[in-house]
Amino acid sequence: MAYDKFTLLKSTAVPLPIENIDTDQIIPARFLKATTREGFGDNLFRDWRFNTDATPKKDFVLNDPTYSGKILVGGRNFGSGSSREHAAWAVYDYGFRCVISSFFADIFKANCLNIGVLPVQVSADFSNKIFAEIDKNPKTQIEVNLQEQKVTLIATGEKESFDINGYKKDNMLNGFDDIDYLMNIKSDIETFAQNTPL
């Protein structure tokens, strides 16, 4: 599945300062029947967003018009629990292109990188600064520069570097998933195959 290229993202952010958010909270198991990646955003944080009668819970941040943007800022240990890739699909389908946290579960992080959601891991101190700035001004902007691997609080100018696997970085800059990458180098593969004895 090709997705939009990720180079530079400047956006307001939605704060979710809860630690140990697991994949069953991100997308409850009862919504895993679909096999395509579309439609999962409707049920992102379903049990936190909606009452049992499907009415929105006014006190949940995604239902608060004060907050919006393409960046989700989560608490430490975001995406823990089961390895379901549907959790990353739900984040992407809802409209987030980046999740910032002071720690990610490895499998969730990998699943995000496979579909065009950039997981940016920052220090606990910088994470707290982000939450504080959003609390002070919900319209504060954050800049995520994938090429330079830096995240910047626009209001203060404070920035921090983040790590990313070189292969995944290149794929995100080009909007490739693993299949797109292979198709892009198809001629190189064929040439190699032709010139390599069995």
Protein backbone atom coordinates (compact mmCIF):
# COMPACT_ATOMS: atom_id res chain seq x y z
CA MET A 1 0.00 0.00 0.00
CA ALA A 2 1.63 3.23 -1.12
CA TYR A 3 1.00 6.23 1.11
CA ASP A 4 1.74 9.95 1.04
CA LYS A 5 5.41 10.79 1.27
CA PHE A 6 6.56 12.01 4.65
CA THR A 7 9.21 14.72 4.56
CA LEU A 8 8.30 17.68 6.78
CA LEU A 9 5.20 17.85 8.96
CA LYS A 10 4.18 21.02 10.76
CA SER A 11 0.97 20.65 12.71
CA THR A 12 -0.92 21.19 15.91
CA ALA A 13 -1.14 18.08 18.09
CA VAL A 14 -3.61 16.05 20.10
CA PRO A 15 -2.35 15.27 23.62
CA LEU A 16 -3.03 11.90 25.23
CA PRO A 17 -0.78 11.84 28.33
CA ILE A 18 -1.69 8.32 29.41
CA GLU A 19 1.00 5.72 29.96
CA ASN A 20 0.83 2.09 28.77
CA ILE A 21 -1.76 2.63 26.06
CA ASP A 22 -2.10 -0.83 24.58
CA THR A 23 -3.30 -1.93 21.16
CA ASP A 24 -6.64 -3.16 22.50
CA GLN A 25 -7.38 0.38 23.65
CA ILE A 26 -6.20 1.79 20.33
CA ILE A 27 -8.48 -0.59 18.37
CA PRO A 28 -10.61 -3.08 20.36
CA ALA A 29 -10.44 -6.72 19.27
CA ARG A 30 -14.07 -6.82 18.12
CA PHE A 31 -13.18 -4.54 15.20
CA LEU A 32 -10.46 -6.74 13.72
CA LYS A 33 -12.61 -8.67 11.27
CA ALA A 34 -11.89 -6.47 8.26
CA THR A 35 -8.89 -7.34 6.10
CA THR A 36 -8.41 -4.01 4.30
CA ARG A 37 -6.83 -1.01 5.99
CA GLU A 38 -9.72 1.41 5.49
CA GLY A 39 -12.38 2.28 8.05
CA PHE A 40 -10.43 1.55 11.23
CA GLY A 41 -10.16 5.24 12.09
CA ASP A 42 -13.85 5.29 12.95
CA ASN A 43 -13.09 2.99 15.85
CA LEU A 44 -9.79 4.44 17.02
CA PHE A 45 -9.94 4.46 20.84
CA ARG A 46 -13.54 3.33 20.45
CA ASP A 47 -14.22 2.52 24.10
CA TRP A 48 -12.60 5.75 25.25
CA ARG A 49 -14.34 7.89 22.62
CA PHE A 50 -17.88 6.52 22.80
CA ASN A 51 -20.46 5.40 25.34
CA THR A 52 -22.19 2.03 24.91
CA ASP A 53 -25.02 3.80 23.05
CA ALA A 54 -22.44 5.17 20.54
CA THR A 55 -22.73 8.75 21.77
CA PRO A 56 -19.39 10.57 22.09
CA LYS A 57 -17.81 10.96 25.51
CA LYS A 58 -17.36 14.70 25.86
CA ASP A 59 -14.36 14.41 28.16
CA PHE A 60 -12.21 12.40 25.74
CA VAL A 61 -9.62 14.43 23.87
CA LEU A 62 -10.57 13.25 20.35
CA ASN A 63 -14.08 14.59 20.98
CA ASP A 64 -12.78 17.95 22.20
CA PRO A 65 -12.70 20.53 19.37
CA THR A 66 -10.00 22.39 21.28
CA TYR A 67 -7.47 19.87 19.96
CA SER A 68 -6.75 18.83 16.40
CA GLY A 69 -3.88 18.06 14.06
CA LYS A 70 -1.94 15.30 12.37
CA ILE A 71 0.27 14.59 15.38
CA LEU A 72 -0.76 12.47 18.36
CA VAL A 73 1.33 12.88 21.50
CA GLY A 74 0.99 9.83 23.74
CA GLY A 75 2.30 8.83 27.12
CA ARG A 76 5.19 6.45 27.74
CA ASN A 77 4.95 2.88 26.42
CA PHE A 78 2.56 3.66 23.60
CA GLY A 79 1.28 0.66 21.60
CA SER A 80 2.03 -2.09 24.08
CA GLY A 81 0.12 -5.37 24.26
CA SER A 82 -0.76 -7.53 21.29
CA SER A 83 1.01 -7.19 17.97
CA ARG A 84 -2.09 -6.33 15.92
CA GLU A 85 -1.17 -4.16 12.96
CA HIS A 86 -4.75 -2.89 12.90
CA ALA A 87 -3.76 -0.47 15.69
CA ALA A 88 -1.37 1.33 13.35
CA TRP A 89 -3.99 1.20 10.59
CA ALA A 90 -6.51 2.91 12.90
CA VAL A 91 -4.06 5.67 13.77
CA TYR A 92 -3.30 6.31 10.08
CA ASP A 93 -6.92 6.03 8.95
CA TYR A 94 -8.03 8.55 11.55
CA GLY A 95 -5.64 11.08 10.03
CA PHE A 96 -2.55 11.02 12.22
CA ARG A 97 0.78 10.91 10.38
CA CYS A 98 2.99 11.03 13.45
CA VAL A 99 2.87 9.73 17.00
CA ILE A 100 5.26 11.19 19.56
CA SER A 101 6.04 9.33 22.79
CA SER A 102 8.91 8.82 25.19
CA PHE A 103 8.74 5.07 24.51
CA PHE A 104 7.06 2.78 21.97
CA ALA A 105 6.40 -0.94 21.97
CA ASP A 106 8.70 -2.35 19.28
CA ILE A 107 6.06 -4.17 17.22
CA PHE A 108 3.68 -1.21 17.18
CA LYS A 109 6.56 1.03 16.12
CA ALA A 110 7.43 -1.32 13.25
CA ASN A 111 3.79 -1.56 12.17
CA CYS A 112 3.56 2.24 12.03
CA LEU A 113 6.68 2.52 9.90
CA ASN A 114 5.23 -0.01 7.46
CA ILE A 115 2.17 2.11 6.67
CA GLY A 116 3.30 5.73 6.79
CA VAL A 117 2.87 6.73 10.44
CA LEU A 118 6.11 8.14 11.85
CA PRO A 119 6.74 7.08 15.47
CA VAL A 120 8.98 9.71 17.02
CA GLN A 121 10.57 8.66 20.29
CA VAL A 122 11.79 11.55 22.41
CA SER A 123 13.19 11.88 25.91
CA ALA A 124 10.79 11.99 28.85
CA ASP A 125 11.90 15.57 29.49
CA PHE A 126 11.13 16.71 25.94
CA SER A 127 7.82 14.83 26.01
CA ASN A 128 6.84 16.73 29.15
CA LYS A 129 7.75 20.01 27.45
CA ILE A 130 5.50 19.16 24.52
CA PHE A 131 2.57 18.36 26.80
CA ALA A 132 3.16 21.59 28.74
CA GLU A 133 3.18 23.71 25.57
CA ILE A 134 -0.01 22.10 24.28
CA ASP A 135 -1.66 22.63 27.66
CA LYS A 136 -0.62 26.29 27.56
CA ASN A 137 -1.76 26.77 23.96
CA PRO A 138 -3.69 24.02 22.15
CA LYS A 139 -2.84 25.73 18.85
CA THR A 140 0.89 25.41 19.39
CA GLN A 141 2.65 23.81 16.45
CA ILE A 142 5.20 21.03 16.29
CA GLU A 143 7.52 20.50 13.35
CA VAL A 144 8.71 16.99 12.52
CA ASN A 145 11.54 16.93 10.00
CA LEU A 146 12.17 13.36 8.86
CA GLN A 147 15.12 14.20 6.64
CA GLU A 148 16.97 15.87 9.52
CA GLN A 149 15.42 13.54 12.14
CA LYS A 150 14.44 16.41 14.38
CA VAL A 151 11.26 17.42 16.19
CA THR A 152 10.84 21.08 17.10
CA LEU A 153 8.50 22.98 19.38
CA ILE A 154 7.82 26.02 17.20
CA ALA A 155 6.80 28.26 20.13
CA THR A 156 10.06 27.86 22.02
CA GLY A 157 12.46 26.75 19.31
CA GLU A 158 13.46 23.75 21.42
CA LYS A 159 14.27 20.68 19.39
CA GLU A 160 15.38 17.11 19.81
CA SER A 161 16.74 14.47 17.46
CA PHE A 162 15.12 11.08 17.01
CA ASP A 163 16.32 7.76 15.64
CA ILE A 164 14.88 5.82 12.72
CA ASN A 165 16.04 2.81 10.72
CA GLY A 166 17.66 4.02 7.48
CA TYR A 167 15.65 1.68 5.26
CA LYS A 168 12.35 2.73 6.86
CA LYS A 169 13.34 6.38 6.65
CA ASP A 170 14.00 6.08 2.92
CA ASN A 171 10.69 4.30 2.41
CA MET A 172 8.75 7.00 4.28
CA LEU A 173 10.47 9.79 2.35
CA ASN A 174 9.35 8.06 -0.86
CA GLY A 175 5.93 6.89 0.32
CA PHE A 176 6.87 3.22 -0.11
CA ASP A 177 5.82 0.14 1.78
CA ASP A 178 8.00 -2.97 1.49
CA ILE A 179 6.33 -4.11 -1.76
CA ASP A 180 6.63 -0.65 -3.31
CA TYR A 181 10.33 -0.66 -2.47
CA LEU A 182 10.86 -3.99 -4.22
CA MET A 183 8.88 -2.86 -7.26
CA ASN A 184 10.99 0.30 -7.42
CA ILE A 185 14.17 -1.76 -7.71
CA LYS A 186 12.64 -4.46 -9.92
CA SER A 187 15.07 -3.83 -12.78
CA ASP A 188 18.05 -4.07 -10.40
CA ILE A 189 16.73 -7.38 -9.08
CA GLU A 190 16.25 -8.73 -12.60
CA THR A 191 19.75 -7.63 -13.62
CA PHE A 192 21.23 -9.27 -10.57
CA ALA A 193 19.31 -12.48 -11.26
CA GLN A 194 20.51 -12.55 -14.88
CA ASN A 195 24.14 -12.03 -13.90
CA THR A 196 24.22 -14.40 -10.98
CA PRO A 197 24.93 -18.06 -11.79
CA LEU A 198 22.77 -20.70 -10.14
